């Protein structure tokens, strides 16, 4: 890591390499690496390659507030039994109607399915029961998406659940330790303003890059079509 006041990571791949170095010390048994797309995929790819582990996705979508889609009132996971986690403070403050929540949930479930088809084609989600799962993202801001993902994974009866992120607020890590068996976080700088502040290069990860990294880690067919645009 670099000196105080400078970026902690060159880019997401550098962050993934640093995470992998720590994760190697956990003696993980036959782990599967799950990335939160899109930004978590380059980080998770480095982890998967270093640990010689398969790489897959954990798809989660934010439930946007009425009129302010970037402000999350909750998050929802994909899968046969989607898990919804609400930001209770945001819901209490904004008071979205039940009809709005139902419509927003339906919209995001459709987007989750569209993204899974685009990124993974017809490949079904992996069976995680009894597995050691390492959930990877490029950092935590509010934690809503990661929290939903961890709770969704718990519903899948995983054997050991590890959260690995390069950077996060200390308060978020305290909360995540209640949801995961192990939490690896390389830095908890204060004050914490934004994840991207701690990367020299935090350019957007494209859908094409997501598919390319998945293909290189898992041998997906070369003719995968990318249709997961925002």
C-alpha atoms as a PDB file:
ATOM      1  CA  UNK A   1       0.000   0.000   0.000  1.00  0.00           C
ATOM      2  CA  UNK A   2       1.047   3.566  -0.584  1.00  0.00           C
ATOM      3  CA  UNK A   3       1.743   6.344   1.835  1.00  0.00           C
ATOM      4  CA  UNK A   4      -1.013   8.124   3.727  1.00  0.00           C
ATOM      5  CA  UNK A   5      -2.889  10.645   1.621  1.00  0.00           C
ATOM      6  CA  UNK A   6      -2.315   8.734  -1.612  1.00  0.00           C
ATOM      7  CA  UNK A   7      -4.370   6.047  -3.354  1.00  0.00           C
ATOM      8  CA  UNK A   8      -4.174   2.632  -1.722  1.00  0.00           C
ATOM      9  CA  UNK A   9      -4.528   0.697  -4.979  1.00  0.00           C
ATOM     10  CA  UNK A  10      -3.301   1.234  -8.513  1.00  0.00           C
ATOM     11  CA  UNK A  11      -6.473  -0.316  -9.945  1.00  0.00           C
ATOM     12  CA  UNK A  12      -8.920  -3.151  -9.281  1.00  0.00           C
ATOM     13  CA  UNK A  13      -6.471  -5.813 -10.383  1.00  0.00           C
ATOM     14  CA  UNK A  14      -3.840  -4.537  -7.990  1.00  0.00           C
ATOM     15  CA  UNK A  15      -6.461  -4.634  -5.226  1.00  0.00           C
ATOM     16  CA  UNK A  16      -7.328  -8.222  -6.159  1.00  0.00           C
ATOM     17  CA  UNK A  17      -3.701  -9.290  -6.028  1.00  0.00           C
ATOM     18  CA  UNK A  18      -3.317  -7.758  -2.572  1.00  0.00           C
ATOM     19  CA  UNK A  19      -6.517  -9.464  -1.389  1.00  0.00           C
ATOM     20  CA  UNK A  20      -5.354 -12.796  -2.760  1.00  0.00           C
ATOM     21  CA  UNK A  21      -2.158 -12.559  -0.737  1.00  0.00           C
ATOM     22  CA  UNK A  22      -4.164 -12.320   2.479  1.00  0.00           C
ATOM     23  CA  UNK A  23      -6.745 -14.941   1.496  1.00  0.00           C
ATOM     24  CA  UNK A  24      -4.012 -17.489   0.847  1.00  0.00           C
ATOM     25  CA  UNK A  25      -3.332 -17.424   4.582  1.00  0.00           C
ATOM     26  CA  UNK A  26      -6.873 -18.522   5.488  1.00  0.00           C
ATOM     27  CA  UNK A  27      -6.407 -22.138   4.364  1.00  0.00           C
ATOM     28  CA  UNK A  28      -9.679 -22.118   2.430  1.00  0.00           C
ATOM     29  CA  UNK A  29     -10.941 -25.556   1.444  1.00  0.00           C
ATOM     30  CA  UNK A  30     -11.953 -25.843  -2.237  1.00  0.00           C
ATOM     31  CA  UNK A  31     -13.358 -22.295  -2.422  1.00  0.00           C
ATOM     32  CA  UNK A  32     -15.562 -20.794  -5.108  1.00  0.00           C
ATOM     33  CA  UNK A  33     -15.131 -17.080  -5.778  1.00  0.00           C
ATOM     34  CA  UNK A  34     -18.250 -14.995  -6.364  1.00  0.00           C
ATOM     35  CA  UNK A  35     -17.900 -11.477  -7.723  1.00  0.00           C
ATOM     36  CA  UNK A  36     -20.351  -8.621  -7.421  1.00  0.00           C
ATOM     37  CA  UNK A  37     -20.484  -7.150 -10.933  1.00  0.00           C
ATOM     38  CA  UNK A  38     -19.360  -5.130 -12.460  1.00  0.00           C
ATOM     39  CA  UNK A  39     -16.566  -3.548 -10.431  1.00  0.00           C
ATOM     40  CA  UNK A  40     -15.970  -6.602  -8.283  1.00  0.00           C
ATOM     41  CA  UNK A  41     -15.157  -8.847 -11.241  1.00  0.00           C
ATOM     42  CA  UNK A  42     -11.577  -7.644 -11.972  1.00  0.00           C
ATOM     43  CA  UNK A  43     -10.813  -7.899  -8.246  1.00  0.00           C
ATOM     44  CA  UNK A  44     -12.336 -11.370  -7.952  1.00  0.00           C
ATOM     45  CA  UNK A  45     -10.596 -12.579 -11.103  1.00  0.00           C
ATOM     46  CA  UNK A  46      -7.198 -11.985  -9.535  1.00  0.00           C
ATOM     47  CA  UNK A  47      -8.323 -13.801  -6.381  1.00  0.00           C
ATOM     48  CA  UNK A  48      -9.668 -16.764  -8.351  1.00  0.00           C
ATOM     49  CA  UNK A  49      -6.497 -17.095 -10.409  1.00  0.00           C
ATOM     50  CA  UNK A  50      -4.254 -16.905  -7.348  1.00  0.00           C
ATOM     51  CA  UNK A  51      -6.316 -19.458  -5.402  1.00  0.00           C
ATOM     52  CA  UNK A  52      -6.862 -21.707  -8.461  1.00  0.00           C
ATOM     53  CA  UNK A  53     -10.584 -21.453  -7.752  1.00  0.00           C
ATOM     54  CA  UNK A  54     -13.642 -21.201 -10.014  1.00  0.00           C
ATOM     55  CA  UNK A  55     -15.122 -17.757 -10.608  1.00  0.00           C
ATOM     56  CA  UNK A  56     -18.828 -16.982 -10.819  1.00  0.00           C
ATOM     57  CA  UNK A  57     -21.159 -14.069 -10.139  1.00  0.00           C
ATOM     58  CA  UNK A  58     -23.407 -13.011  -7.270  1.00  0.00           C
ATOM     59  CA  UNK A  59     -25.957 -10.742  -8.900  1.00  0.00           C
ATOM     60  CA  UNK A  60     -27.589  -8.102  -6.722  1.00  0.00           C
ATOM     61  CA  UNK A  61     -29.588  -5.047  -7.743  1.00  0.00           C
ATOM     62  CA  UNK A  62     -30.264  -1.918  -5.769  1.00  0.00           C
ATOM     63  CA  UNK A  63     -33.895  -0.934  -5.209  1.00  0.00           C
ATOM     64  CA  UNK A  64     -33.948   2.736  -6.096  1.00  0.00           C
ATOM     65  CA  UNK A  65     -35.932   5.402  -4.279  1.00  0.00           C
ATOM     66  CA  UNK A  66     -38.920   7.036  -5.997  1.00  0.00           C
ATOM     67  CA  UNK A  67     -37.589   9.757  -8.286  1.00  0.00           C
ATOM     68  CA  UNK A  68     -33.995   9.128  -7.181  1.00  0.00           C
ATOM     69  CA  UNK A  69     -32.898   5.777  -8.605  1.00  0.00           C
ATOM     70  CA  UNK A  70     -29.307   6.179  -7.386  1.00  0.00           C
ATOM     71  CA  UNK A  71     -30.437   6.346  -3.754  1.00  0.00           C
ATOM     72  CA  UNK A  72     -31.035   2.822  -2.506  1.00  0.00           C
ATOM     73  CA  UNK A  73     -33.950   1.878  -0.288  1.00  0.00           C
ATOM     74  CA  UNK A  74     -32.808  -1.735  -0.368  1.00  0.00           C
ATOM     75  CA  UNK A  75     -31.340  -4.470  -2.535  1.00  0.00           C
ATOM     76  CA  UNK A  76     -32.406  -7.805  -3.997  1.00  0.00           C
ATOM     77  CA  UNK A  77     -30.478 -10.924  -5.016  1.00  0.00           C
ATOM     78  CA  UNK A  78     -31.153 -13.211  -7.948  1.00  0.00           C
ATOM     79  CA  UNK A  79     -31.756 -16.943  -7.778  1.00  0.00           C
ATOM     80  CA  UNK A  80     -34.668 -19.315  -7.228  1.00  0.00           C
ATOM     81  CA  UNK A  81     -35.470 -17.642  -3.910  1.00  0.00           C
ATOM     82  CA  UNK A  82     -34.512 -13.955  -4.181  1.00  0.00           C
ATOM     83  CA  UNK A  83     -33.602 -12.228  -0.931  1.00  0.00           C
ATOM     84  CA  UNK A  84     -34.667  -8.623  -0.378  1.00  0.00           C
ATOM     85  CA  UNK A  85     -32.992  -6.452   2.240  1.00  0.00           C
ATOM     86  CA  UNK A  86     -34.418  -3.003   2.959  1.00  0.00           C
ATOM     87  CA  UNK A  87     -32.657   0.074   4.270  1.00  0.00           C
ATOM     88  CA  UNK A  88     -35.116   0.625   7.088  1.00  0.00           C
ATOM     89  CA  UNK A  89     -34.026   4.219   7.730  1.00  0.00           C
ATOM     90  CA  UNK A  90     -34.458   5.131   4.057  1.00  0.00           C
ATOM     91  CA  UNK A  91     -37.854   3.435   3.854  1.00  0.00           C
ATOM     92  CA  UNK A  92     -39.051   5.176   7.021  1.00  0.00           C
ATOM     93  CA  UNK A  93     -37.894   8.563   5.721  1.00  0.00           C
ATOM     94  CA  UNK A  94     -39.160   8.265   2.134  1.00  0.00           C
ATOM     95  CA  UNK A  95     -42.240   6.109   2.785  1.00  0.00           C
ATOM     96  CA  UNK A  96     -42.494   4.571  -0.699  1.00  0.00           C
ATOM     97  CA  UNK A  97     -45.891   3.039  -1.392  1.00  0.00           C
ATOM     98  CA  UNK A  98     -46.335  -0.745  -1.417  1.00  0.00           C
ATOM     99  CA  UNK A  99     -47.220  -0.463  -5.108  1.00  0.00           C
ATOM    100  CA  UNK A 100     -43.936   1.326  -5.834  1.00  0.00           C
ATOM    101  CA  UNK A 101     -41.904  -1.265  -3.909  1.00  0.00           C
ATOM    102  CA  UNK A 102     -43.646  -4.101  -5.762  1.00  0.00           C
ATOM    103  CA  UNK A 103     -43.053  -2.486  -9.149  1.00  0.00           C
ATOM    104  CA  UNK A 104     -39.401  -1.621  -8.391  1.00  0.00           C
ATOM    105  CA  UNK A 105     -38.765  -5.152  -7.122  1.00  0.00           C
ATOM    106  CA  UNK A 106     -40.270  -6.653 -10.277  1.00  0.00           C
ATOM    107  CA  UNK A 107     -38.204  -4.332 -12.476  1.00  0.00           C
ATOM    108  CA  UNK A 108     -34.949  -5.230 -10.748  1.00  0.00           C
ATOM    109  CA  UNK A 109     -35.695  -8.969 -10.815  1.00  0.00           C
ATOM    110  CA  UNK A 110     -36.164  -8.708 -14.579  1.00  0.00           C
ATOM    111  CA  UNK A 111     -32.857  -6.851 -14.842  1.00  0.00           C
ATOM    112  CA  UNK A 112     -31.123  -9.517 -12.740  1.00  0.00           C
ATOM    113  CA  UNK A 113     -32.351 -12.217 -15.086  1.00  0.00           C
ATOM    114  CA  UNK A 114     -31.305 -10.213 -18.143  1.00  0.00           C
ATOM    115  CA  UNK A 115     -27.812  -9.704 -16.762  1.00  0.00           C
ATOM    116  CA  UNK A 116     -27.403 -13.363 -15.826  1.00  0.00           C
ATOM    117  CA  UNK A 117     -28.310 -14.393 -19.369  1.00  0.00           C
ATOM    118  CA  UNK A 118     -25.949 -11.806 -20.857  1.00  0.00           C
ATOM    119  CA  UNK A 119     -22.986 -12.533 -18.611  1.00  0.00           C
ATOM    120  CA  UNK A 120     -23.415 -16.286 -18.161  1.00  0.00           C
ATOM    121  CA  UNK A 121     -25.608 -17.431 -21.048  1.00  0.00           C
ATOM    122  CA  UNK A 122     -27.491 -20.602 -20.181  1.00  0.00           C
ATOM    123  CA  UNK A 123     -25.100 -21.562 -17.395  1.00  0.00           C
ATOM    124  CA  UNK A 124     -27.143 -22.185 -14.215  1.00  0.00           C
ATOM    125  CA  UNK A 125     -26.068 -20.688 -10.892  1.00  0.00           C
ATOM    126  CA  UNK A 126     -23.611 -22.967  -9.065  1.00  0.00           C
ATOM    127  CA  UNK A 127     -24.783 -25.239  -6.264  1.00  0.00           C
ATOM    128  CA  UNK A 128     -23.255 -23.595  -3.204  1.00  0.00           C
ATOM    129  CA  UNK A 129     -24.603 -25.897  -0.484  1.00  0.00           C
ATOM    130  CA  UNK A 130     -21.730 -27.124   1.660  1.00  0.00           C
ATOM    131  CA  UNK A 131     -19.199 -24.977  -0.222  1.00  0.00           C
ATOM    132  CA  UNK A 132     -16.670 -22.416   0.961  1.00  0.00           C
ATOM    133  CA  UNK A 133     -17.728 -19.182  -0.729  1.00  0.00           C
ATOM    134  CA  UNK A 134     -15.594 -16.045  -1.050  1.00  0.00           C
ATOM    135  CA  UNK A 135     -17.694 -12.989  -1.947  1.00  0.00           C
ATOM    136  CA  UNK A 136     -15.600 -10.233  -3.548  1.00  0.00           C
ATOM    137  CA  UNK A 137     -16.329  -6.604  -4.399  1.00  0.00           C
ATOM    138  CA  UNK A 138     -14.114  -3.603  -5.169  1.00  0.00           C
ATOM    139  CA  UNK A 139     -15.134  -1.887  -1.921  1.00  0.00           C
ATOM    140  CA  UNK A 140     -18.040  -1.047   0.349  1.00  0.00           C
ATOM    141  CA  UNK A 141     -19.744   2.324   0.603  1.00  0.00           C
ATOM    142  CA  UNK A 142     -23.110   2.013   2.348  1.00  0.00           C
ATOM    143  CA  UNK A 143     -23.025  -1.787   2.411  1.00  0.00           C
ATOM    144  CA  UNK A 144     -26.593  -2.409   1.269  1.00  0.00           C
ATOM    145  CA  UNK A 145     -25.671  -4.505  -1.760  1.00  0.00           C
ATOM    146  CA  UNK A 146     -23.064  -6.570   0.063  1.00  0.00           C
ATOM    147  CA  UNK A 147     -25.427  -7.136   2.987  1.00  0.00           C
ATOM    148  CA  UNK A 148     -28.137  -8.467   0.669  1.00  0.00           C
ATOM    149  CA  UNK A 149     -25.607 -10.721  -1.050  1.00  0.00           C
ATOM    150  CA  UNK A 150     -24.345 -12.184   2.232  1.00  0.00           C
ATOM    151  CA  UNK A 151     -27.860 -12.813   3.495  1.00  0.00           C
ATOM    152  CA  UNK A 152     -28.812 -14.417   0.207  1.00  0.00           C
ATOM    153  CA  UNK A 153     -25.783 -16.698   0.376  1.00  0.00           C
ATOM    154  CA  UNK A 154     -26.681 -17.741   3.901  1.00  0.00           C
ATOM    155  CA  UNK A 155     -30.008 -18.939   2.535  1.00  0.00           C
ATOM    156  CA  UNK A 156     -28.052 -21.291   0.243  1.00  0.00           C
ATOM    157  CA  UNK A 157     -26.561 -23.275   3.151  1.00  0.00           C
ATOM    158  CA  UNK A 158     -22.933 -22.511   2.366  1.00  0.00           C
ATOM    159  CA  UNK A 159     -20.356 -24.160   4.621  1.00  0.00           C
ATOM    160  CA  UNK A 160     -18.094 -21.136   5.126  1.00  0.00           C
ATOM    161  CA  UNK A 161     -18.792 -17.594   3.987  1.00  0.00           C
ATOM    162  CA  UNK A 162     -15.906 -15.178   3.493  1.00  0.00           C
ATOM    163  CA  UNK A 163     -16.256 -11.538   2.489  1.00  0.00           C
ATOM    164  CA  UNK A 164     -13.194 -10.021   0.813  1.00  0.00           C
ATOM    165  CA  UNK A 165     -13.013  -6.326  -0.071  1.00  0.00           C
ATOM    166  CA  UNK A 166     -10.069  -3.975  -0.523  1.00  0.00           C
ATOM    167  CA  UNK A 167     -11.552  -0.987   1.295  1.00  0.00           C
ATOM    168  CA  UNK A 168     -14.586  -0.071   3.401  1.00  0.00           C
ATOM    169  CA  UNK A 169     -15.718   2.134   6.292  1.00  0.00           C
ATOM    170  CA  UNK A 170     -14.925   0.594   9.663  1.00  0.00           C
ATOM    171  CA  UNK A 171     -18.598   0.759  10.662  1.00  0.00           C
ATOM    172  CA  UNK A 172     -19.596  -1.346   7.651  1.00  0.00           C
ATOM    173  CA  UNK A 173     -17.016  -3.996   8.489  1.00  0.00           C
ATOM    174  CA  UNK A 174     -18.407  -4.300  12.018  1.00  0.00           C
ATOM    175  CA  UNK A 175     -21.838  -5.020  10.536  1.00  0.00           C
ATOM    176  CA  UNK A 176     -20.510  -7.462   7.938  1.00  0.00           C
ATOM    177  CA  UNK A 177     -18.709  -9.514  10.589  1.00  0.00           C
ATOM    178  CA  UNK A 178     -22.140 -10.452  11.905  1.00  0.00           C
ATOM    179  CA  UNK A 179     -23.101 -11.897   8.519  1.00  0.00           C
ATOM    180  CA  UNK A 180     -19.912 -13.641   7.322  1.00  0.00           C
ATOM    181  CA  UNK A 181     -17.678 -16.226   8.973  1.00  0.00           C
ATOM    182  CA  UNK A 182     -14.591 -14.271   7.956  1.00  0.00           C
ATOM    183  CA  UNK A 183     -14.108 -10.726   6.672  1.00  0.00           C
ATOM    184  CA  UNK A 184     -10.945  -9.650   4.897  1.00  0.00           C
ATOM    185  CA  UNK A 185     -10.681  -5.898   4.384  1.00  0.00           C
ATOM    186  CA  UNK A 186      -7.314  -4.379   3.547  1.00  0.00           C
ATOM    187  CA  UNK A 187      -8.084  -0.827   4.641  1.00  0.00           C
ATOM    188  CA  UNK A 188     -10.694   1.108   6.639  1.00  0.00           C
ATOM    189  CA  UNK A 189      -9.598   4.727   6.126  1.00  0.00           C
ATOM    190  CA  UNK A 190     -11.216   7.557   8.032  1.00  0.00           C
ATOM    191  CA  UNK A 191     -12.903   9.700   7.003  1.00  0.00           C
ATOM    192  CA  UNK A 192     -14.430   7.448   4.354  1.00  0.00           C
ATOM    193  CA  UNK A 193     -16.014   9.361   1.485  1.00  0.00           C
ATOM    194  CA  UNK A 194     -16.112   7.039  -1.534  1.00  0.00           C
ATOM    195  CA  UNK A 195     -14.626   3.751  -2.707  1.00  0.00           C
ATOM    196  CA  UNK A 196     -13.115   5.263  -5.853  1.00  0.00           C
ATOM    197  CA  UNK A 197     -11.156   7.790  -3.810  1.00  0.00           C
ATOM    198  CA  UNK A 198      -8.771   5.006  -2.804  1.00  0.00           C
ATOM    199  CA  UNK A 199      -7.906   3.859  -6.340  1.00  0.00           C
ATOM    200  CA  UNK A 200      -5.563   5.631  -8.730  1.00  0.00           C
ATOM    201  CA  UNK A 201      -7.580   4.152 -11.637  1.00  0.00           C
ATOM    202  CA  UNK A 202     -11.263   3.544 -10.857  1.00  0.00           C
ATOM    203  CA  UNK A 203     -12.584   3.656 -14.418  1.00  0.00           C
ATOM    204  CA  UNK A 204     -15.848   1.874 -15.069  1.00  0.00           C
ATOM    205  CA  UNK A 205     -15.712  -1.869 -15.687  1.00  0.00           C
ATOM    206  CA  UNK A 206     -17.503  -2.655 -18.941  1.00  0.00           C
ATOM    207  CA  UNK A 207     -19.815  -5.563 -19.673  1.00  0.00           C
ATOM    208  CA  UNK A 208     -17.334  -6.778 -22.269  1.00  0.00           C
ATOM    209  CA  UNK A 209     -14.597  -6.870 -19.635  1.00  0.00           C
ATOM    210  CA  UNK A 210     -16.854  -8.823 -17.268  1.00  0.00           C
ATOM    211  CA  UNK A 211     -17.519 -11.476 -19.905  1.00  0.00           C
ATOM    212  CA  UNK A 212     -13.858 -11.615 -20.935  1.00  0.00           C
ATOM    213  CA  UNK A 213     -12.670 -12.131 -17.359  1.00  0.00           C
ATOM    214  CA  UNK A 214     -15.291 -14.794 -16.694  1.00  0.00           C
ATOM    215  CA  UNK A 215     -14.300 -16.552 -19.904  1.00  0.00           C
ATOM    216  CA  UNK A 216     -10.590 -16.502 -19.070  1.00  0.00           C
ATOM    217  CA  UNK A 217     -11.239 -17.868 -15.585  1.00  0.00           C
ATOM    218  CA  UNK A 218     -13.801 -20.534 -16.451  1.00  0.00           C
ATOM    219  CA  UNK A 219     -13.433 -21.303 -20.155  1.00  0.00           C
ATOM    220  CA  UNK A 220     -16.761 -19.919 -21.309  1.00  0.00           C
ATOM    221  CA  UNK A 221     -17.441 -20.200 -25.063  1.00  0.00           C
ATOM    222  CA  UNK A 222     -15.934 -17.460 -27.198  1.00  0.00           C
ATOM    223  CA  UNK A 223     -19.244 -16.514 -28.837  1.00  0.00           C
ATOM    224  CA  UNK A 224     -20.870 -15.208 -25.668  1.00  0.00           C
ATOM    225  CA  UNK A 225     -23.084 -12.254 -26.573  1.00  0.00           C
ATOM    226  CA  UNK A 226     -22.966  -9.202 -24.326  1.00  0.00           C
ATOM    227  CA  UNK A 227     -26.316  -7.508 -23.776  1.00  0.00           C
ATOM    228  CA  UNK A 228     -26.140  -6.242 -20.198  1.00  0.00           C
ATOM    229  CA  UNK A 229     -25.986  -2.528 -20.873  1.00  0.00           C
ATOM    230  CA  UNK A 230     -27.299  -0.150 -18.260  1.00  0.00           C
END
